[in-house]
């Protein structure tokens, strides 16, 4: 997914090319600690794009 920066960098460093994206292909729920004192967690929801990579083995 597009928000996984280490993975995207790895594929690109191995010579893979981005050939497309699937918009809003994944649903991500992020849990963030709102306040440490109340021990409450705040959730953020977002859709993330999927990246399609290509590499020619020929």
Protein backbone atom coordinates (compact mmCIF):
# COMPACT_ATOMS: atom_id res chain seq x y z
CA UNK A 1 0.00 0.00 0.00
CA UNK A 2 1.09 3.56 -0.66
CA UNK A 3 1.45 4.39 3.03
CA UNK A 4 4.03 1.60 3.54
CA UNK A 5 7.06 3.73 2.65
CA UNK A 6 9.76 1.13 3.50
CA UNK A 7 8.08 -1.45 1.26
CA UNK A 8 7.70 1.00 -1.64
CA UNK A 9 11.38 1.99 -1.35
CA UNK A 10 12.44 -1.65 -1.30
CA UNK A 11 10.54 -2.58 -4.47
CA UNK A 12 11.86 0.49 -6.28
CA UNK A 13 15.44 -0.21 -5.18
CA UNK A 14 15.12 -3.73 -6.64
CA UNK A 15 14.23 -2.27 -10.03
CA UNK A 16 10.46 -2.66 -9.93
CA UNK A 17 8.45 0.04 -11.69
CA UNK A 18 5.14 1.45 -10.56
CA UNK A 19 2.62 0.76 -13.32
CA UNK A 20 -0.55 1.85 -11.59
CA UNK A 21 -2.54 2.47 -8.47
CA UNK A 22 -5.85 1.22 -7.20
CA UNK A 23 -7.43 4.19 -5.43
CA UNK A 24 -8.75 3.56 -1.94
CA UNK A 25 -8.10 -0.18 -2.16
CA UNK A 26 -7.40 -0.67 1.53
CA UNK A 27 -9.17 0.43 4.69
CA UNK A 28 -6.80 1.46 7.46
CA UNK A 29 -7.67 2.01 11.10
CA UNK A 30 -4.97 3.85 13.06
CA UNK A 31 -5.09 3.82 16.82
CA UNK A 32 -3.56 6.90 18.41
CA UNK A 33 -3.36 7.59 22.11
CA UNK A 34 -5.43 10.74 22.64
CA UNK A 35 -4.35 11.44 26.20
CA UNK A 36 -1.92 9.44 28.30
CA UNK A 37 -3.66 10.42 31.51
CA UNK A 38 -7.08 9.07 30.55
CA UNK A 39 -5.67 5.96 28.82
CA UNK A 40 -8.13 6.62 26.02
CA UNK A 41 -7.34 5.71 22.45
CA UNK A 42 -8.50 7.67 19.46
CA UNK A 43 -9.05 5.88 16.16
CA UNK A 44 -8.51 7.41 12.75
CA UNK A 45 -9.91 5.72 9.67
CA UNK A 46 -8.74 6.23 6.12
CA UNK A 47 -8.61 4.54 2.75
CA UNK A 48 -5.19 3.97 1.20
CA UNK A 49 -4.12 3.36 -2.39
CA UNK A 50 -2.62 0.06 -3.53
CA UNK A 51 0.43 0.31 -5.76
CA UNK A 52 0.94 -2.13 -8.63
CA UNK A 53 4.59 -2.89 -9.38
CA UNK A 54 6.11 -4.53 -12.45
CA UNK A 55 9.44 -6.16 -13.19
CA UNK A 56 10.47 -7.81 -16.45
CA UNK A 57 12.26 -11.13 -15.98
CA UNK A 58 13.02 -11.40 -19.69
